Amino acid sequence: MLHGHGDDGYRHARPVIADFSTNVWYGGPPAGLQEYVFSQWPTVSRYPEVLAESLAARIAAHHGVAPAQVLVS
């Protein structure tokens, strides 16, 4: 647990809806996430394209725009 920066939802009387100060959540992963990720592990074979050209093309096609109009960040 991190103390002093983010991940401090346990300190608040009301539930924290979103805390963007960290990518750590004190509640742990959702049920079944680890099993799902491990079941998909064989499909992860390499790093994605540096400029994400294929993803930009698929997003563009889905929205009916040119790939140059899509920014993948």
Foldseek 3Di string as FASTA:
>chain_A
DDPPWPQVQVVDPDGDPDDPRDPDHPVDDDPPPVVVCVVCVVVPDDDADPQNQVVLCVVCVVVVHDSVVDHDD
